Amino acid sequence: MPHDGIPHHHHHDDDHHHTPADGWKNTGVRVIPGDSLDANTAQTPGMNRAAAINLARVGAQKIWAGTVHIHANAKTGAHHHGALESVIYVVKGRARMRWGEKLEFVAEAGPGDFIFVPPYVPHQEINASTEETLECVLVRSDNEAVVVNLEIEPVEKPEQVLWVDPIHKAPPAGA
């Protein structure tokens, strides 16, 4: 028995206990090419989300990952992601994040920076550049892409709303 009192089993039989018949050939490591991401995921006005890793594409049970592109000078509407934790990694461009019940707090991030968004935090992503697309990698703590768009009057109004997401449908013509 090891000195920490916890039995450690080193039976080599266990190592291959769950190995599939193909030896992980088709269910092991997956490479998802950047040009094959799936844009059919929850959206917020002003940003393009594309899924790389989720339940539907690779069977991910506990995480969601993909890319986010926010066009020059564009801002998202205020939203949160329910119980999910989010990590944003800035690849290119300048991100401005606003958050809080009135989006009263602000911070900026550049290439190489990570941003952590805890569950239920109202926030708004803003491209701080007027010329350059903001490119980010996004990872969430669940395979669901939960987006709750909020009716908060943002400090910075979304100017370039490039499409309407499935949660807030466009008003009928003539409305």
C-alpha atoms as a PDB file:
ATOM      1  CA  MET A   1       0.000   0.000   0.000  1.00  0.00           C
ATOM      2  CA  PRO A   2       1.469   3.441  -0.933  1.00  0.00           C
ATOM      3  CA  HIS A   3       2.247   5.791   1.957  1.00  0.00           C
ATOM      4  CA  ASP A   4      -0.766   8.040   1.198  1.00  0.00           C
ATOM      5  CA  GLY A   5      -3.060   5.161   2.126  1.00  0.00           C
ATOM      6  CA  ILE A   6      -4.767   5.042  -1.288  1.00  0.00           C
ATOM      7  CA  PRO A   7      -4.265   1.781  -3.155  1.00  0.00           C
ATOM      8  CA  HIS A   8      -2.810   2.373  -6.613  1.00  0.00           C
ATOM      9  CA  HIS A   9      -3.504  -0.360  -9.134  1.00  0.00           C
ATOM     10  CA  HIS A  10      -1.046  -0.831 -11.958  1.00  0.00           C
ATOM     11  CA  HIS A  11      -2.639  -3.754 -13.783  1.00  0.00           C
ATOM     12  CA  HIS A  12      -1.850  -3.450 -17.464  1.00  0.00           C
ATOM     13  CA  ASP A  13      -5.134  -5.194 -18.291  1.00  0.00           C
ATOM     14  CA  ASP A  14      -7.054  -2.060 -17.236  1.00  0.00           C
ATOM     15  CA  ASP A  15      -5.140   0.175 -19.649  1.00  0.00           C
ATOM     16  CA  HIS A  16      -6.831  -1.387 -22.687  1.00  0.00           C
ATOM     17  CA  HIS A  17     -10.148  -2.127 -21.047  1.00  0.00           C
ATOM     18  CA  HIS A  18     -12.134   0.448 -23.051  1.00  0.00           C
ATOM     19  CA  THR A  19     -10.184   0.346 -26.283  1.00  0.00           C
ATOM     20  CA  PRO A  20     -12.594   0.147 -29.252  1.00  0.00           C
ATOM     21  CA  ALA A  21     -12.222  -2.573 -31.856  1.00  0.00           C
ATOM     22  CA  ASP A  22     -10.445  -0.221 -34.284  1.00  0.00           C
ATOM     23  CA  GLY A  23      -7.890   0.723 -31.600  1.00  0.00           C
ATOM     24  CA  TRP A  24      -9.132   4.354 -31.536  1.00  0.00           C
ATOM     25  CA  LYS A  25      -8.501   4.854 -35.269  1.00  0.00           C
ATOM     26  CA  ASN A  26     -11.813   6.637 -35.876  1.00  0.00           C
ATOM     27  CA  THR A  27     -12.687   7.660 -32.331  1.00  0.00           C
ATOM     28  CA  GLY A  28      -9.311   8.839 -31.056  1.00  0.00           C
ATOM     29  CA  VAL A  29      -7.593  12.159 -31.723  1.00  0.00           C
ATOM     30  CA  ARG A  30      -9.498  14.353 -34.179  1.00  0.00           C
ATOM     31  CA  VAL A  31      -8.103  17.211 -36.233  1.00  0.00           C
ATOM     32  CA  ILE A  32     -10.738  19.755 -37.247  1.00  0.00           C
ATOM     33  CA  PRO A  33      -9.465  21.899 -40.158  1.00  0.00           C
ATOM     34  CA  GLY A  34     -10.106  25.600 -39.676  1.00  0.00           C
ATOM     35  CA  ASP A  35     -11.997  25.845 -42.946  1.00  0.00           C
ATOM     36  CA  SER A  36     -14.523  23.175 -41.950  1.00  0.00           C
ATOM     37  CA  LEU A  37     -16.084  24.801 -38.885  1.00  0.00           C
ATOM     38  CA  ASP A  38     -19.855  24.712 -38.445  1.00  0.00           C
ATOM     39  CA  ALA A  39     -21.613  28.103 -38.356  1.00  0.00           C
ATOM     40  CA  ASN A  40     -24.906  26.426 -37.398  1.00  0.00           C
ATOM     41  CA  THR A  41     -24.594  27.359 -33.714  1.00  0.00           C
ATOM     42  CA  ALA A  42     -26.193  29.869 -31.339  1.00  0.00           C
ATOM     43  CA  GLN A  43     -25.537  33.397 -32.545  1.00  0.00           C
ATOM     44  CA  THR A  44     -25.606  36.922 -31.166  1.00  0.00           C
ATOM     45  CA  PRO A  45     -25.963  40.038 -33.341  1.00  0.00           C
ATOM     46  CA  GLY A  46     -22.592  41.487 -34.430  1.00  0.00           C
ATOM     47  CA  MET A  47     -20.487  38.327 -34.275  1.00  0.00           C
ATOM     48  CA  ASN A  48     -19.954  35.129 -36.218  1.00  0.00           C
ATOM     49  CA  ARG A  49     -19.559  32.005 -34.097  1.00  0.00           C
ATOM     50  CA  ALA A  50     -18.399  28.759 -35.698  1.00  0.00           C
ATOM     51  CA  ALA A  51     -18.223  25.426 -33.888  1.00  0.00           C
ATOM     52  CA  ALA A  52     -15.156  23.189 -34.140  1.00  0.00           C
ATOM     53  CA  ILE A  53     -15.636  20.908 -31.137  1.00  0.00           C
ATOM     54  CA  ASN A  54     -19.122  19.994 -29.948  1.00  0.00           C
ATOM     55  CA  LEU A  55     -21.347  16.984 -29.380  1.00  0.00           C
ATOM     56  CA  ALA A  56     -22.715  16.883 -32.919  1.00  0.00           C
ATOM     57  CA  ARG A  57     -19.350  17.129 -34.665  1.00  0.00           C
ATOM     58  CA  VAL A  58     -16.989  15.016 -32.562  1.00  0.00           C
ATOM     59  CA  GLY A  59     -19.047  13.679 -29.668  1.00  0.00           C
ATOM     60  CA  ALA A  60     -17.621  16.103 -27.094  1.00  0.00           C
ATOM     61  CA  GLN A  61     -19.484  15.631 -23.801  1.00  0.00           C
ATOM     62  CA  LYS A  62     -18.130  18.397 -21.582  1.00  0.00           C
ATOM     63  CA  ILE A  63     -16.757  21.194 -23.764  1.00  0.00           C
ATOM     64  CA  TRP A  64     -17.599  23.356 -26.786  1.00  0.00           C
ATOM     65  CA  ALA A  65     -14.920  25.075 -28.825  1.00  0.00           C
ATOM     66  CA  GLY A  66     -14.901  27.192 -31.927  1.00  0.00           C
ATOM     67  CA  THR A  67     -13.963  30.527 -33.381  1.00  0.00           C
ATOM     68  CA  VAL A  68     -15.470  33.972 -33.127  1.00  0.00           C
ATOM     69  CA  HIS A  69     -14.970  36.728 -35.685  1.00  0.00           C
ATOM     70  CA  ILE A  70     -16.212  40.206 -34.843  1.00  0.00           C
ATOM     71  CA  HIS A  71     -16.076  42.610 -37.742  1.00  0.00           C
ATOM     72  CA  ALA A  72     -14.259  45.946 -37.573  1.00  0.00           C
ATOM     73  CA  ASN A  73     -16.142  48.429 -35.408  1.00  0.00           C
ATOM     74  CA  ALA A  74     -18.852  45.838 -34.633  1.00  0.00           C
ATOM     75  CA  LYS A  75     -20.324  45.172 -31.202  1.00  0.00           C
ATOM     76  CA  THR A  76     -22.502  42.340 -29.987  1.00  0.00           C
ATOM     77  CA  GLY A  77     -25.714  42.792 -28.120  1.00  0.00           C
ATOM     78  CA  ALA A  78     -25.675  42.207 -24.370  1.00  0.00           C
ATOM     79  CA  HIS A  79     -25.909  38.518 -23.512  1.00  0.00           C
ATOM     80  CA  HIS A  80     -24.788  35.813 -21.137  1.00  0.00           C
ATOM     81  CA  HIS A  81     -24.149  32.089 -21.462  1.00  0.00           C
ATOM     82  CA  GLY A  82     -26.238  30.629 -18.643  1.00  0.00           C
ATOM     83  CA  ALA A  83     -24.351  28.230 -16.380  1.00  0.00           C
ATOM     84  CA  LEU A  84     -21.466  27.920 -18.844  1.00  0.00           C
ATOM     85  CA  GLU A  85     -17.947  29.167 -18.245  1.00  0.00           C
ATOM     86  CA  SER A  86     -16.262  30.682 -21.299  1.00  0.00           C
ATOM     87  CA  VAL A  87     -12.626  31.215 -22.185  1.00  0.00           C
ATOM     88  CA  ILE A  88     -11.756  33.531 -25.068  1.00  0.00           C
ATOM     89  CA  TYR A  89      -8.259  33.600 -26.565  1.00  0.00           C
ATOM     90  CA  VAL A  90      -7.503  36.576 -28.789  1.00  0.00           C
ATOM     91  CA  VAL A  91      -5.676  35.525 -31.957  1.00  0.00           C
ATOM     92  CA  LYS A  92      -5.738  38.814 -33.856  1.00  0.00           C
ATOM     93  CA  GLY A  93      -7.102  42.288 -33.267  1.00  0.00           C
ATOM     94  CA  ARG A  94      -8.229  44.118 -30.136  1.00  0.00           C
ATOM     95  CA  ALA A  95     -11.121  42.987 -27.957  1.00  0.00           C
ATOM     96  CA  ARG A  96     -13.008  45.266 -25.600  1.00  0.00           C
ATOM     97  CA  MET A  97     -15.219  43.492 -23.083  1.00  0.00           C
ATOM     98  CA  ARG A  98     -17.988  45.235 -21.198  1.00  0.00           C
ATOM     99  CA  TRP A  99     -19.768  43.457 -18.372  1.00  0.00           C
ATOM    100  CA  GLY A 100     -22.024  43.965 -15.366  1.00  0.00           C
ATOM    101  CA  GLU A 101     -25.749  44.519 -14.802  1.00  0.00           C
ATOM    102  CA  LYS A 102     -25.460  47.778 -16.776  1.00  0.00           C
ATOM    103  CA  LEU A 103     -22.307  46.744 -18.706  1.00  0.00           C
ATOM    104  CA  GLU A 104     -20.528  49.334 -16.577  1.00  0.00           C
ATOM    105  CA  PHE A 105     -17.155  47.541 -16.343  1.00  0.00           C
ATOM    106  CA  VAL A 106     -14.652  47.453 -19.192  1.00  0.00           C
ATOM    107  CA  ALA A 107     -11.360  45.749 -20.045  1.00  0.00           C
ATOM    108  CA  GLU A 108      -9.362  45.240 -23.234  1.00  0.00           C
ATOM    109  CA  ALA A 109      -7.383  42.281 -24.542  1.00  0.00           C
ATOM    110  CA  GLY A 110      -5.012  41.788 -27.457  1.00  0.00           C
ATOM    111  CA  PRO A 111      -3.343  38.901 -29.301  1.00  0.00           C
ATOM    112  CA  GLY A 112      -2.138  36.208 -26.907  1.00  0.00           C
ATOM    113  CA  ASP A 113      -4.446  37.328 -24.090  1.00  0.00           C
ATOM    114  CA  PHE A 114      -7.055  35.085 -22.475  1.00  0.00           C
ATOM    115  CA  ILE A 115     -10.441  36.323 -21.238  1.00  0.00           C
ATOM    116  CA  PHE A 116     -12.514  34.348 -18.715  1.00  0.00           C
ATOM    117  CA  VAL A 117     -16.272  34.892 -18.547  1.00  0.00           C
ATOM    118  CA  PRO A 118     -17.959  33.236 -15.535  1.00  0.00           C
ATOM    119  CA  PRO A 119     -21.528  31.857 -15.650  1.00  0.00           C
ATOM    120  CA  TYR A 120     -24.451  34.301 -15.906  1.00  0.00           C
ATOM    121  CA  VAL A 121     -22.287  37.426 -16.297  1.00  0.00           C
ATOM    122  CA  PRO A 122     -24.008  39.909 -18.633  1.00  0.00           C
ATOM    123  CA  HIS A 123     -21.425  40.981 -21.195  1.00  0.00           C
ATOM    124  CA  GLN A 124     -20.831  42.544 -24.573  1.00  0.00           C
ATOM    125  CA  GLU A 125     -17.944  41.835 -26.942  1.00  0.00           C
ATOM    126  CA  ILE A 126     -16.692  44.850 -28.855  1.00  0.00           C
ATOM    127  CA  ASN A 127     -14.123  45.058 -31.632  1.00  0.00           C
ATOM    128  CA  ALA A 128     -12.009  47.980 -30.406  1.00  0.00           C
ATOM    129  CA  SER A 129     -10.497  48.405 -33.888  1.00  0.00           C
ATOM    130  CA  THR A 130     -12.227  50.322 -36.658  1.00  0.00           C
ATOM    131  CA  GLU A 131     -10.187  48.540 -39.358  1.00  0.00           C
ATOM    132  CA  GLU A 132      -9.233  45.026 -38.275  1.00  0.00           C
ATOM    133  CA  THR A 133     -11.427  41.947 -37.783  1.00  0.00           C
ATOM    134  CA  LEU A 134     -11.198  40.592 -34.244  1.00  0.00           C
ATOM    135  CA  GLU A 135     -10.396  36.867 -34.356  1.00  0.00           C
ATOM    136  CA  CYS A 136     -10.780  34.732 -31.249  1.00  0.00           C
ATOM    137  CA  VAL A 137     -10.855  31.111 -30.182  1.00  0.00           C
ATOM    138  CA  LEU A 138     -13.713  30.321 -27.800  1.00  0.00           C
ATOM    139  CA  VAL A 139     -13.962  27.386 -25.391  1.00  0.00           C
ATOM    140  CA  ARG A 140     -16.980  26.680 -23.182  1.00  0.00           C
ATOM    141  CA  SER A 141     -17.487  24.276 -20.305  1.00  0.00           C
ATOM    142  CA  ASP A 142     -20.397  22.370 -21.856  1.00  0.00           C
ATOM    143  CA  ASN A 143     -21.285  21.025 -25.286  1.00  0.00           C
ATOM    144  CA  GLU A 144     -24.397  23.211 -25.442  1.00  0.00           C
ATOM    145  CA  ALA A 145     -23.913  26.600 -27.064  1.00  0.00           C
ATOM    146  CA  VAL A 146     -26.185  28.500 -24.684  1.00  0.00           C
ATOM    147  CA  VAL A 147     -26.776  32.158 -25.482  1.00  0.00           C
ATOM    148  CA  VAL A 148     -29.242  34.305 -23.563  1.00  0.00           C
ATOM    149  CA  ASN A 149     -29.589  37.659 -25.303  1.00  0.00           C
ATOM    150  CA  LEU A 150     -30.440  40.370 -22.773  1.00  0.00           C
ATOM    151  CA  GLU A 151     -32.528  43.524 -22.971  1.00  0.00           C
ATOM    152  CA  ILE A 152     -29.867  45.812 -21.498  1.00  0.00           C
ATOM    153  CA  GLU A 153     -29.300  49.257 -22.947  1.00  0.00           C
ATOM    154  CA  PRO A 154     -25.556  48.865 -23.667  1.00  0.00           C
ATOM    155  CA  VAL A 155     -23.138  51.716 -22.988  1.00  0.00           C
ATOM    156  CA  GLU A 156     -21.831  51.138 -26.503  1.00  0.00           C
ATOM    157  CA  LYS A 157     -24.777  50.538 -28.787  1.00  0.00           C
ATOM    158  CA  PRO A 158     -24.341  47.724 -31.328  1.00  0.00           C
ATOM    159  CA  GLU A 159     -23.783  49.596 -34.585  1.00  0.00           C
ATOM    160  CA  GLN A 160     -23.047  46.935 -37.160  1.00  0.00           C
ATOM    161  CA  VAL A 161     -25.530  44.166 -36.622  1.00  0.00           C
ATOM    162  CA  LEU A 162     -24.697  41.881 -39.506  1.00  0.00           C
ATOM    163  CA  TRP A 163     -27.491  39.361 -39.041  1.00  0.00           C
ATOM    164  CA  VAL A 164     -30.223  38.496 -36.608  1.00  0.00           C
ATOM    165  CA  ASP A 165     -29.719  35.447 -34.423  1.00  0.00           C
ATOM    166  CA  PRO A 166     -32.323  32.667 -34.031  1.00  0.00           C
ATOM    167  CA  ILE A 167     -33.311  33.865 -30.547  1.00  0.00           C
ATOM    168  CA  HIS A 168     -34.172  37.444 -31.571  1.00  0.00           C
ATOM    169  CA  LYS A 169     -35.911  37.053 -34.891  1.00  0.00           C
ATOM    170  CA  ALA A 170     -36.175  39.960 -37.308  1.00  0.00           C
ATOM    171  CA  PRO A 171     -39.465  41.859 -36.991  1.00  0.00           C
ATOM    172  CA  PRO A 172     -41.954  41.067 -39.768  1.00  0.00           C
ATOM    173  CA  ALA A 173     -41.788  43.374 -42.790  1.00  0.00           C
ATOM    174  CA  GLY A 174     -43.774  46.561 -42.300  1.00  0.00           C
ATOM    175  CA  ALA A 175     -43.807  46.177 -38.510  1.00  0.00           C
END
